[in-house]
Amino acid sequence: MELVTVHALIVSGLIAIAVWSLLSRQLGRLGVSAPLTVIALGAVAGLAYGQDLGEHLNTVVAEKIVEIVLAVLLFVDATEVRRGFLGGEGRIVARLLAIALPMSLVATVLAAAILLPDAQWALLLVIACIVTPTDFAASAEIIRDKRIPSKIRNSLNVESGYNDGIVSPLFIFALAVAEGNDAERFGPAVEGALVASGVALLVGAVLGGGAGLAVKNVVRREWATSQALRLGIVIVPLLVYAVAVTLGGNGFVAAFVAGIAFRAARSPRASTPADLDHAEMSSVDDVGLISSLGIWFVFGAVVVLAAEGGASWEMIFLGVLALTVLRMLPVYVALLGSATTWRERTAVGIAGPRGTASVVFGLLAFNSLREDDANTALYITVIVVFSSVLFHGLAAPRLMSALTRKH
C-alpha cells in the first residue's frame, strides 16, 4: 500500500467529517443525514483512488481498525438502551429478537442458497449475518418522529441496539468456516466459537460491570473530574476488546456484554428515565459517532469500487428481498398475538434500516474470504446498505407515519 495514498484517504475522510460537522444543521433541515453526506464525499474519494482502493482495504491494519470501531459501536449501542434492559417494551422487543431475528437469518440463508447455488453454506450464513442487523444511524428521523407511536419507536431502537451484538458471534463462526473447507473447519469452528464466546462473556461482564461500579463510586465520592471520567469511559470498550482478544475471546461479544454490564452496574435502577448520565457518556458517544462517520466515508468509496466491479441480478434481487420480504414476514409472524395492530406490524417491518454494523461485517468478510467469495459479500453489502440509506432515509419515515396515524 502506498503511504501517500493512505494519508490522502485519511485526510479525505477527516475533511468529509469536518464538512458535515460545519453544515450539519443546514443539511438536517434539507433532510440530508450525516451518513448520506459522508457517503457522497466518500464516493468522490472512491472515484479519485479507483481500483487501488480494494488493495488499501484488504490489509491487516484496515481489518484491525474496523474491528476496534465495531467494538466501540457495540458498547455504545448496549449503553444507549433506556428504561430497563428491553427499553420498557419487553414483549415486543423480545419477540423481535427471539423470533423475528432468527427467522430472518434462516430465511436469508435459504433465499441466498436459491439465488447463489454455487456458494458454500458458510458464505450464505456470512451474508445473512451482514444484511440482517438493523441500525438507525442513517435513518434517525424514524426514531425521532413523534407521529409514530412511542412503543414502536422504542422497540425499534432497542432492537437495533441489541441485534448486531447477538449476530456477531454467529458471524465470526460462519467466517471461520468460510475461510477453509466446510467439512474440515466446522468442528474446530464450533469449538472455537463456544470457547471465544465464553471468554467474551466473562471478560465483558467482569470488566464492564467493574467499570460501572467504579464510576458509580467515584462519582459519589467526587474523586475524579468530569473530563477524566469521560476519558475513562472511552477506554472501557477498547480495554475490554483488547483483553478479550488477548485471552482468545470474541472481542465484539465482550464489548457488547460490557456495555450491558456497565449500564446495569452504573445505574441499577434501570427503570428510571435517565439510566445513564448523558454528560458521562458524551465522549464515548462522540468517539462512536466519529468512528461511525469514518466507516460511512469508507463505504461511500466502496460503493464506487463495487459499481466498477459489477453485481449480478441475483445479488441485486437478494438485496431487495433482504430489505423487504425477509424482514417483513418474520416481523409479522413474531408479532402475531401481541398488542400491535396490523398497521404497526407493517411499520415495524418497513423500519429495518441497515447501517454501520452491516458495513463493518461486510468489510471484515472482504478482508477474510477468498477473492470470489469476498467480492460477493462486498457487493451484496453495498447493494443492501446503499439501498437502505436511500429508502429508509427518505421514504420509510413517511410510510411509517402514514401507517401508524390514528384512523
Protein backbone atom coordinates (compact mmCIF):
# COMPACT_ATOMS: atom_id res chain seq x y z
CA MET A 1 0.00 0.00 0.00
CA GLU A 2 1.44 3.38 -0.93
CA LEU A 3 1.88 5.58 2.14
CA VAL A 4 0.89 8.72 0.25
CA THR A 5 -2.39 7.16 -0.84
CA VAL A 6 -3.17 6.02 2.70
CA HIS A 7 -2.51 9.51 4.04
CA ALA A 8 -4.64 11.01 1.27
CA LEU A 9 -7.51 8.65 2.13
CA ILE A 10 -7.29 9.55 5.83
CA VAL A 11 -7.15 13.27 5.08
CA SER A 12 -10.13 12.95 2.72
CA GLY A 13 -12.14 11.22 5.41
CA LEU A 14 -11.31 13.84 8.02
CA ILE A 15 -12.27 16.63 5.60
CA ALA A 16 -15.58 14.88 4.88
CA ILE A 17 -16.41 14.64 8.59
CA ALA A 18 -15.38 18.28 9.10
CA VAL A 19 -17.63 19.41 6.24
CA TRP A 20 -20.60 17.61 7.76
CA SER A 21 -19.90 19.00 11.24
CA LEU A 22 -19.89 22.57 9.91
CA LEU A 23 -23.06 22.15 7.85
CA SER A 24 -24.93 19.58 9.96
CA ARG A 25 -27.86 21.80 10.93
CA GLN A 26 -28.44 23.09 7.41
CA LEU A 27 -28.14 19.61 5.93
CA GLY A 28 -30.56 18.31 8.55
CA ARG A 29 -33.15 20.90 7.53
CA LEU A 30 -32.84 19.61 3.96
CA GLY A 31 -33.38 16.04 5.13
CA VAL A 32 -29.80 15.03 4.35
CA SER A 33 -28.41 12.78 7.10
CA ALA A 34 -24.81 12.62 8.28
CA PRO A 35 -24.20 9.17 6.74
CA LEU A 36 -25.61 10.27 3.39
CA THR A 37 -23.31 13.31 3.38
CA VAL A 38 -20.11 11.39 4.07
CA ILE A 39 -21.15 8.57 1.73
CA ALA A 40 -21.38 11.11 -1.09
CA LEU A 41 -17.98 12.56 -0.21
CA GLY A 42 -16.56 9.06 0.14
CA ALA A 43 -17.82 8.24 -3.35
CA VAL A 44 -15.87 11.22 -4.67
CA ALA A 45 -12.75 9.83 -2.98
CA GLY A 46 -13.51 6.42 -4.45
CA LEU A 47 -13.59 7.90 -7.94
CA ALA A 48 -10.23 9.56 -7.28
CA TYR A 49 -8.47 6.45 -5.96
CA GLY A 50 -10.08 3.94 -8.34
CA GLN A 51 -9.31 0.22 -8.14
CA ASP A 52 -6.35 0.80 -5.79
CA LEU A 53 -8.90 1.23 -3.01
CA GLY A 54 -9.51 -2.53 -2.80
CA GLU A 55 -5.84 -3.12 -2.02
CA HIS A 56 -5.92 -0.47 0.70
CA LEU A 57 -8.93 -2.05 2.39
CA ASN A 58 -7.64 -5.62 2.19
CA THR A 59 -4.90 -5.29 4.83
CA VAL A 60 -4.38 -6.47 8.39
CA VAL A 61 -4.20 -2.88 9.65
CA ALA A 62 -7.50 -1.94 8.00
CA GLU A 63 -9.10 -5.08 9.42
CA LYS A 64 -7.98 -4.29 12.97
CA ILE A 65 -9.19 -0.70 12.71
CA VAL A 66 -12.61 -1.88 11.56
CA GLU A 67 -12.77 -4.42 14.40
CA ILE A 68 -11.97 -1.80 17.04
CA VAL A 69 -14.57 0.57 15.57
CA LEU A 70 -17.23 -2.16 15.77
CA ALA A 71 -16.28 -2.93 19.37
CA VAL A 72 -16.78 0.72 20.33
CA LEU A 73 -20.11 0.91 18.49
CA LEU A 74 -21.39 -2.29 20.13
CA PHE A 75 -20.50 -0.92 23.56
CA VAL A 76 -22.24 2.38 22.82
CA ASP A 77 -25.33 0.59 21.46
CA ALA A 78 -25.61 -1.52 24.61
CA THR A 79 -25.35 1.51 26.91
CA GLU A 80 -27.89 3.60 25.00
CA VAL A 81 -30.95 1.46 25.79
CA ARG A 82 -33.14 3.41 28.19
CA ARG A 83 -35.96 2.41 30.55
CA GLY A 84 -34.64 -1.00 31.52
CA PHE A 85 -32.96 -3.93 29.78
CA LEU A 86 -35.57 -4.08 27.00
CA GLY A 87 -36.40 -0.38 26.91
CA GLY A 88 -39.78 -0.69 28.60
CA GLU A 89 -41.23 -2.59 25.63
CA GLY A 90 -40.19 -6.07 26.70
CA ARG A 91 -42.90 -8.08 24.96
CA ILE A 92 -42.41 -6.53 21.54
CA VAL A 93 -38.61 -6.41 21.72
CA ALA A 94 -38.35 -9.99 22.97
CA ARG A 95 -40.45 -11.19 20.03
CA LEU A 96 -38.32 -9.24 17.55
CA LEU A 97 -35.04 -10.57 18.94
CA ALA A 98 -36.03 -14.13 19.81
CA ILE A 99 -38.35 -14.89 16.87
CA ALA A 100 -38.03 -12.37 14.04
CA LEU A 101 -34.21 -12.18 14.08
CA PRO A 102 -33.56 -15.95 13.83
CA MET A 103 -36.32 -16.29 11.23
CA SER A 104 -34.77 -13.53 9.13
CA LEU A 105 -31.36 -15.19 9.31
CA VAL A 106 -32.72 -18.59 8.27
CA ALA A 107 -34.90 -17.12 5.53
CA THR A 108 -31.97 -15.13 4.14
CA VAL A 109 -29.74 -18.22 4.06
CA LEU A 110 -32.46 -20.15 2.18
CA ALA A 111 -33.08 -17.33 -0.29
CA ALA A 112 -29.35 -16.92 -0.88
CA ALA A 113 -28.99 -20.67 -1.43
CA ILE A 114 -31.56 -20.49 -4.24
CA LEU A 115 -30.10 -17.36 -5.85
CA LEU A 116 -26.44 -18.30 -5.33
CA PRO A 117 -26.46 -22.10 -5.78
CA ASP A 118 -22.67 -22.39 -6.12
CA ALA A 119 -21.94 -20.69 -2.79
CA GLN A 120 -20.99 -22.77 0.25
CA TRP A 121 -23.36 -22.69 3.20
CA ALA A 122 -20.89 -20.82 5.40
CA LEU A 123 -20.73 -17.95 2.90
CA LEU A 124 -24.53 -17.85 2.83
CA LEU A 125 -24.58 -17.54 6.62
CA VAL A 126 -21.94 -14.79 6.47
CA ILE A 127 -24.15 -12.89 4.02
CA ALA A 128 -27.22 -13.37 6.23
CA CYS A 129 -25.33 -12.00 9.24
CA ILE A 130 -24.25 -8.99 7.18
CA VAL A 131 -27.66 -7.98 5.83
CA THR A 132 -29.93 -8.81 8.80
CA PRO A 133 -28.94 -6.46 11.70
CA THR A 134 -30.77 -3.13 11.77
CA ASP A 135 -29.20 0.25 12.53
CA PHE A 136 -30.88 3.67 12.64
CA ALA A 137 -27.71 5.75 12.21
CA ALA A 138 -28.74 6.67 8.67
CA SER A 139 -32.46 6.82 9.46
CA ALA A 140 -32.62 8.64 12.79
CA GLU A 141 -35.71 10.54 11.62
CA ILE A 142 -37.77 7.38 12.19
CA ILE A 143 -36.79 7.22 15.87
CA ARG A 144 -37.39 10.96 16.38
CA ASP A 145 -40.72 11.17 14.52
CA LYS A 146 -43.36 11.89 17.20
CA ARG A 147 -46.14 10.93 14.77
CA ILE A 148 -45.03 7.31 15.17
CA PRO A 149 -46.25 5.74 18.47
CA SER A 150 -43.57 5.73 21.15
CA LYS A 151 -43.87 1.98 21.73
CA ILE A 152 -42.93 1.36 18.09
CA ARG A 153 -40.02 3.83 18.15
CA ASN A 154 -38.71 2.49 21.47
CA SER A 155 -38.99 -1.13 20.32
CA LEU A 156 -37.13 -0.42 17.08
CA ASN A 157 -34.42 1.49 18.92
CA VAL A 158 -33.82 -1.33 21.41
CA GLU A 159 -33.91 -3.97 18.67
CA SER A 160 -31.25 -2.15 16.67
CA GLY A 161 -29.14 -1.73 19.80
CA TYR A 162 -29.04 -5.46 20.50
CA ASN A 163 -29.30 -7.37 17.23
CA ASP A 164 -25.79 -6.64 15.95
CA GLY A 165 -24.33 -7.84 19.26
CA ILE A 166 -26.43 -11.00 19.08
CA VAL A 167 -25.44 -11.71 15.48
CA SER A 168 -21.70 -11.01 15.88
CA PRO A 169 -20.66 -14.41 17.36
CA LEU A 170 -22.60 -16.22 14.62
CA PHE A 171 -20.88 -14.03 12.02
CA ILE A 172 -17.41 -14.82 13.40
CA PHE A 173 -18.26 -18.55 13.44
CA ALA A 174 -19.51 -18.50 9.84
CA LEU A 175 -16.47 -16.52 8.75
CA ALA A 176 -14.13 -19.05 10.37
CA VAL A 177 -15.81 -21.90 8.49
CA ALA A 178 -15.96 -19.99 5.20
CA GLU A 179 -12.22 -19.28 5.31
CA GLY A 180 -11.46 -23.00 4.97
CA ASN A 181 -13.13 -26.23 3.90
CA ASP A 182 -16.66 -26.65 5.26
CA ALA A 183 -16.22 -30.22 6.48
CA GLU A 184 -12.73 -29.67 7.89
CA ARG A 185 -13.46 -26.36 9.60
CA PHE A 186 -16.92 -26.97 11.05
CA GLY A 187 -15.90 -28.87 14.18
CA PRO A 188 -12.98 -26.63 15.14
CA ALA A 189 -15.06 -23.54 14.32
CA VAL A 190 -17.89 -24.63 16.63
CA GLU A 191 -15.45 -25.41 19.42
CA GLY A 192 -13.59 -22.15 18.88
CA ALA A 193 -16.81 -20.12 18.80
CA LEU A 194 -18.04 -21.62 22.08
CA VAL A 195 -14.72 -21.02 23.84
CA ALA A 196 -14.41 -17.49 22.43
CA SER A 197 -17.98 -16.63 23.44
CA GLY A 198 -17.46 -17.99 26.96
CA VAL A 199 -14.29 -15.95 27.42
CA ALA A 200 -16.02 -12.89 25.97
CA LEU A 201 -19.00 -13.19 28.32
CA LEU A 202 -16.69 -13.46 31.32
CA VAL A 203 -14.39 -10.61 30.29
CA GLY A 204 -17.27 -8.34 29.26
CA ALA A 205 -19.27 -8.95 32.43
CA VAL A 206 -16.30 -8.56 34.80
CA LEU A 207 -14.64 -5.55 33.18
CA GLY A 208 -17.88 -3.82 32.14
CA GLY A 209 -19.56 -4.39 35.49
CA GLY A 210 -16.39 -3.45 37.35
CA ALA A 211 -16.06 -0.24 35.36
CA GLY A 212 -19.69 0.64 36.04
CA LEU A 213 -19.28 0.11 39.79
CA ALA A 214 -16.04 2.08 39.77
CA VAL A 215 -17.65 5.04 38.00
CA LYS A 216 -20.63 4.91 40.35
CA ASN A 217 -18.44 5.04 43.48
CA VAL A 218 -16.02 7.60 42.07
CA VAL A 219 -18.89 9.95 41.20
CA ARG A 220 -20.44 9.54 44.65
CA ARG A 221 -17.13 10.35 46.38
CA GLU A 222 -16.19 13.08 43.87
CA TRP A 223 -12.73 11.59 43.29
CA ALA A 224 -12.48 12.43 39.58
CA THR A 225 -13.08 15.41 37.35
CA SER A 226 -15.80 15.18 34.72
CA GLN A 227 -13.27 15.29 31.89
CA ALA A 228 -11.15 12.49 33.36
CA LEU A 229 -14.25 10.39 33.96
CA ARG A 230 -15.37 10.77 30.35
CA LEU A 231 -11.90 9.73 29.18
CA GLY A 232 -12.00 6.67 31.42
CA ILE A 233 -15.31 5.55 29.94
CA VAL A 234 -13.88 5.87 26.40
CA ILE A 235 -11.12 3.46 27.41
CA VAL A 236 -13.56 0.79 28.67
CA PRO A 237 -14.62 -0.74 25.30
CA LEU A 238 -11.03 -0.55 23.99
CA LEU A 239 -9.68 -2.29 27.10
CA VAL A 240 -12.42 -4.92 27.06
CA TYR A 241 -11.81 -5.69 23.39
CA ALA A 242 -8.03 -5.92 23.87
CA VAL A 243 -8.26 -8.18 26.93
CA ALA A 244 -10.85 -10.46 25.32
CA VAL A 245 -8.82 -10.90 22.13
CA THR A 246 -5.62 -11.47 24.11
CA LEU A 247 -7.32 -14.25 26.08
CA GLY A 248 -8.72 -15.85 22.93
CA GLY A 249 -12.23 -14.43 23.27
CA ASN A 250 -14.61 -12.73 20.87
CA GLY A 251 -13.88 -9.01 21.23
CA PHE A 252 -17.23 -7.99 19.74
CA VAL A 253 -19.29 -10.05 22.18
CA ALA A 254 -17.11 -8.86 25.06
CA ALA A 255 -17.64 -5.19 24.15
CA PHE A 256 -21.39 -5.70 23.78
CA VAL A 257 -21.71 -7.54 27.11
CA ALA A 258 -19.50 -4.92 28.75
CA GLY A 259 -21.91 -2.21 27.65
CA ILE A 260 -24.85 -4.05 29.20
CA ALA A 261 -22.92 -4.79 32.40
CA PHE A 262 -21.62 -1.22 32.63
CA ARG A 263 -25.11 0.23 32.34
CA ALA A 264 -26.54 -2.22 34.89
CA ALA A 265 -23.76 -1.57 37.42
CA ARG A 266 -23.65 2.20 36.93
CA SER A 267 -27.43 2.65 37.17
CA PRO A 268 -29.00 -0.43 38.77
CA ARG A 269 -32.41 1.27 38.85
CA ALA A 270 -32.79 0.83 35.12
CA SER A 271 -36.46 1.76 35.08
CA THR A 272 -35.71 5.41 35.72
CA PRO A 273 -35.98 7.69 32.68
CA ALA A 274 -32.31 8.73 32.81
CA ASP A 275 -30.45 5.42 33.05
CA LEU A 276 -27.01 6.89 32.46
CA ASP A 277 -25.78 10.45 32.83
CA HIS A 278 -25.52 11.76 29.28
CA ALA A 279 -22.62 14.01 30.31
CA GLU A 280 -20.62 10.98 31.46
CA MET A 281 -21.21 9.17 28.17
CA SER A 282 -20.71 12.17 25.88
CA SER A 283 -17.08 11.44 24.99
CA VAL A 284 -17.62 7.77 24.16
CA ASP A 285 -20.72 8.78 22.20
CA ASP A 286 -18.63 11.29 20.24
CA VAL A 287 -15.93 8.69 19.58
CA GLY A 288 -18.64 6.32 18.40
CA LEU A 289 -20.07 8.99 16.10
CA ILE A 290 -16.69 9.85 14.57
CA SER A 291 -15.90 6.16 14.11
CA SER A 292 -19.28 5.57 12.51
CA LEU A 293 -18.85 8.51 10.13
CA GLY A 294 -15.42 7.19 9.18
CA ILE A 295 -16.97 3.84 8.30
CA TRP A 296 -19.65 5.59 6.21
CA PHE A 297 -16.95 7.51 4.34
CA VAL A 298 -15.14 4.27 3.51
CA PHE A 299 -18.46 2.77 2.47
CA GLY A 300 -19.02 5.62 0.02
CA ALA A 301 -15.67 4.83 -1.59
CA VAL A 302 -16.54 1.12 -1.63
CA VAL A 303 -19.80 1.88 -3.47
CA VAL A 304 -17.70 3.14 -6.38
CA LEU A 305 -15.46 0.07 -6.20
CA ALA A 306 -18.47 -2.26 -6.28
CA ALA A 307 -20.12 -0.32 -9.12
CA GLU A 308 -17.00 -0.71 -11.24
CA GLY A 309 -16.79 -4.43 -10.46
CA GLY A 310 -20.41 -5.12 -11.29
CA ALA A 311 -23.02 -7.17 -9.42
CA SER A 312 -25.24 -9.92 -10.83
CA TRP A 313 -29.02 -9.68 -10.92
CA GLU A 314 -29.14 -12.47 -8.33
CA MET A 315 -27.21 -10.31 -5.87
CA ILE A 316 -29.46 -7.33 -6.55
CA PHE A 317 -32.61 -9.42 -6.11
CA LEU A 318 -31.27 -10.88 -2.85
CA GLY A 319 -30.63 -7.34 -1.62
CA VAL A 320 -34.20 -6.31 -2.43
CA LEU A 321 -35.56 -9.39 -0.64
CA ALA A 322 -33.39 -8.67 2.43
CA LEU A 323 -34.90 -5.20 2.78
CA THR A 324 -38.48 -6.30 2.22
CA VAL A 325 -39.87 -9.84 2.48
CA LEU A 326 -37.02 -11.31 4.52
CA ARG A 327 -37.53 -8.58 7.13
CA MET A 328 -41.28 -8.02 7.00
CA LEU A 329 -42.53 -11.62 7.02
CA PRO A 330 -40.58 -12.66 10.15
CA VAL A 331 -41.73 -9.48 11.91
CA TYR A 332 -45.37 -10.24 11.07
CA VAL A 333 -45.03 -13.79 12.41
CA ALA A 334 -43.18 -12.66 15.55
CA LEU A 335 -45.79 -10.03 16.45
CA LEU A 336 -48.85 -12.24 15.95
CA GLY A 337 -50.83 -12.23 19.18
CA SER A 338 -49.05 -9.14 20.50
CA ALA A 339 -50.69 -5.83 21.40
CA THR A 340 -49.92 -4.35 17.99
CA THR A 341 -52.21 -3.60 15.07
CA TRP A 342 -51.53 -4.82 11.55
CA ARG A 343 -50.55 -1.27 10.62
CA GLU A 344 -47.98 -1.17 13.42
CA ARG A 345 -46.60 -4.57 12.41
CA THR A 346 -46.23 -3.33 8.85
CA ALA A 347 -44.47 -0.21 10.11
CA VAL A 348 -42.02 -2.29 12.18
CA GLY A 349 -41.39 -4.49 9.15
CA ILE A 350 -40.69 -1.49 6.94
CA ALA A 351 -38.42 0.09 9.55
CA GLY A 352 -35.44 -2.19 9.15
CA PRO A 353 -32.60 0.07 8.00
CA ARG A 354 -29.15 -1.44 7.61
CA GLY A 355 -26.16 0.56 8.69
CA THR A 356 -22.77 0.60 10.33
CA ALA A 357 -22.77 -2.98 11.62
CA SER A 358 -23.58 -4.31 8.14
CA VAL A 359 -20.80 -2.21 6.60
CA VAL A 360 -18.27 -3.39 9.19
CA PHE A 361 -19.29 -7.04 8.81
CA GLY A 362 -19.05 -6.64 5.03
CA LEU A 363 -15.56 -5.13 5.22
CA LEU A 364 -14.40 -7.88 7.59
CA ALA A 365 -15.75 -10.51 5.20
CA PHE A 366 -13.99 -8.80 2.29
CA ASN A 367 -10.71 -8.95 4.22
CA SER A 368 -11.10 -12.57 5.35
CA LEU A 369 -12.65 -14.52 2.46
CA ARG A 370 -11.21 -15.81 -0.79
CA GLU A 371 -11.40 -13.38 -3.70
CA ASP A 372 -14.66 -14.52 -5.35
CA ASP A 373 -16.46 -15.01 -2.03
CA ALA A 374 -15.05 -11.71 -0.75
CA ASN A 375 -16.38 -9.83 -3.77
CA THR A 376 -19.80 -11.48 -3.45
CA ALA A 377 -20.08 -10.47 0.21
CA LEU A 378 -18.91 -6.93 -0.55
CA TYR A 379 -21.28 -6.42 -3.50
CA ILE A 380 -24.30 -7.62 -1.52
CA THR A 381 -23.30 -5.40 1.41
CA VAL A 382 -23.16 -2.37 -0.87
CA ILE A 383 -26.49 -3.18 -2.54
CA VAL A 384 -28.35 -3.67 0.74
CA VAL A 385 -26.85 -0.80 2.73
CA PHE A 386 -26.90 1.81 -0.04
CA SER A 387 -30.50 0.93 -0.96
CA SER A 388 -31.43 1.10 2.71
CA VAL A 389 -29.83 4.53 3.16
CA LEU A 390 -31.93 5.87 0.30
CA PHE A 391 -35.20 4.11 1.14
CA HIS A 392 -35.15 4.29 4.94
CA GLY A 393 -33.68 7.76 4.96
CA LEU A 394 -36.19 9.28 2.55
CA ALA A 395 -39.36 7.23 2.00
CA ALA A 396 -39.71 4.96 5.04
CA PRO A 397 -40.40 7.68 7.66
CA ARG A 398 -43.34 8.98 5.64
CA LEU A 399 -44.71 5.49 5.05
CA MET A 400 -44.42 4.64 8.74
CA SER A 401 -46.13 7.82 9.94
CA ALA A 402 -48.96 7.20 7.46
CA LEU A 403 -49.38 3.60 8.62
CA THR A 404 -49.36 4.38 12.34
CA ARG A 405 -51.53 7.51 12.14
CA LYS A 406 -54.73 7.11 14.12
CA HIS A 407 -57.82 6.48 11.98
